[in-house]
């Protein structure tokens, strides 16, 4: 029996968007941009896998 492979969807584009939001929020200084970036990064990291 071969081992099953589990593939995680590629989440790095969403993490890059979140990083861009955080950086923009720090440069502008705008707390809502920082908060949006952090929330997006957290929601992408905690998203359940499709295989479960």
C-alpha atoms as a PDB file:
ATOM      1  CA  UNK A   1       0.000   0.000   0.000  1.00  0.00           C
ATOM      2  CA  UNK A   2       1.464   3.336  -1.011  1.00  0.00           C
ATOM      3  CA  UNK A   3       1.466   6.242   1.386  1.00  0.00           C
ATOM      4  CA  UNK A   4      -1.089   8.905   0.740  1.00  0.00           C
ATOM      5  CA  UNK A   5       0.123  12.343  -0.156  1.00  0.00           C
ATOM      6  CA  UNK A   6      -1.561  15.372   1.240  1.00  0.00           C
ATOM      7  CA  UNK A   7      -1.149  18.601  -0.629  1.00  0.00           C
ATOM      8  CA  UNK A   8      -1.707  21.906   0.990  1.00  0.00           C
ATOM      9  CA  UNK A   9      -2.954  24.623  -1.274  1.00  0.00           C
ATOM     10  CA  UNK A  10      -0.398  27.240  -2.119  1.00  0.00           C
ATOM     11  CA  UNK A  11      -0.973  29.916   0.451  1.00  0.00           C
ATOM     12  CA  UNK A  12       2.145  31.980  -0.140  1.00  0.00           C
ATOM     13  CA  UNK A  13       0.375  34.529  -2.404  1.00  0.00           C
ATOM     14  CA  UNK A  14      -2.074  35.303   0.393  1.00  0.00           C
ATOM     15  CA  UNK A  15       0.781  35.567   2.877  1.00  0.00           C
ATOM     16  CA  UNK A  16       2.533  38.040   0.552  1.00  0.00           C
ATOM     17  CA  UNK A  17      -0.629  40.141   0.354  1.00  0.00           C
ATOM     18  CA  UNK A  18      -0.878  40.087   4.147  1.00  0.00           C
ATOM     19  CA  UNK A  19       2.764  41.130   4.457  1.00  0.00           C
ATOM     20  CA  UNK A  20       2.218  43.961   1.982  1.00  0.00           C
ATOM     21  CA  UNK A  21      -0.753  45.187   4.004  1.00  0.00           C
ATOM     22  CA  UNK A  22       1.234  45.148   7.229  1.00  0.00           C
ATOM     23  CA  UNK A  23       4.168  47.007   5.648  1.00  0.00           C
ATOM     24  CA  UNK A  24       1.850  49.562   4.057  1.00  0.00           C
ATOM     25  CA  UNK A  25       0.113  50.054   7.382  1.00  0.00           C
ATOM     26  CA  UNK A  26       3.417  50.665   9.124  1.00  0.00           C
ATOM     27  CA  UNK A  27       4.655  53.080   6.464  1.00  0.00           C
ATOM     28  CA  UNK A  28       1.456  55.103   6.201  1.00  0.00           C
ATOM     29  CA  UNK A  29       0.787  54.723   9.737  1.00  0.00           C
ATOM     30  CA  UNK A  30      -2.675  53.268   9.544  1.00  0.00           C
ATOM     31  CA  UNK A  31      -3.724  50.757  12.165  1.00  0.00           C
ATOM     32  CA  UNK A  32      -6.550  49.272  10.086  1.00  0.00           C
ATOM     33  CA  UNK A  33      -4.105  48.177   7.367  1.00  0.00           C
ATOM     34  CA  UNK A  34      -1.895  46.508   9.964  1.00  0.00           C
ATOM     35  CA  UNK A  35      -4.871  44.789  11.567  1.00  0.00           C
ATOM     36  CA  UNK A  36      -6.191  43.616   8.202  1.00  0.00           C
ATOM     37  CA  UNK A  37      -2.808  42.153   7.284  1.00  0.00           C
ATOM     38  CA  UNK A  38      -2.509  40.335  10.577  1.00  0.00           C
ATOM     39  CA  UNK A  39      -6.042  38.970  10.363  1.00  0.00           C
ATOM     40  CA  UNK A  40      -5.481  37.783   6.800  1.00  0.00           C
ATOM     41  CA  UNK A  41      -2.224  36.045   7.718  1.00  0.00           C
ATOM     42  CA  UNK A  42      -3.854  34.357  10.698  1.00  0.00           C
ATOM     43  CA  UNK A  43      -6.888  33.202   8.763  1.00  0.00           C
ATOM     44  CA  UNK A  44      -4.722  31.749   5.987  1.00  0.00           C
ATOM     45  CA  UNK A  45      -2.493  29.940   8.487  1.00  0.00           C
ATOM     46  CA  UNK A  46      -5.428  28.479  10.422  1.00  0.00           C
ATOM     47  CA  UNK A  47      -7.528  27.504   7.403  1.00  0.00           C
ATOM     48  CA  UNK A  48      -8.520  23.831   7.575  1.00  0.00           C
ATOM     49  CA  UNK A  49      -7.119  21.443   5.016  1.00  0.00           C
ATOM     50  CA  UNK A  50      -9.377  20.318   2.183  1.00  0.00           C
ATOM     51  CA  UNK A  51      -8.587  16.627   2.746  1.00  0.00           C
ATOM     52  CA  UNK A  52     -10.032  16.434   6.242  1.00  0.00           C
END
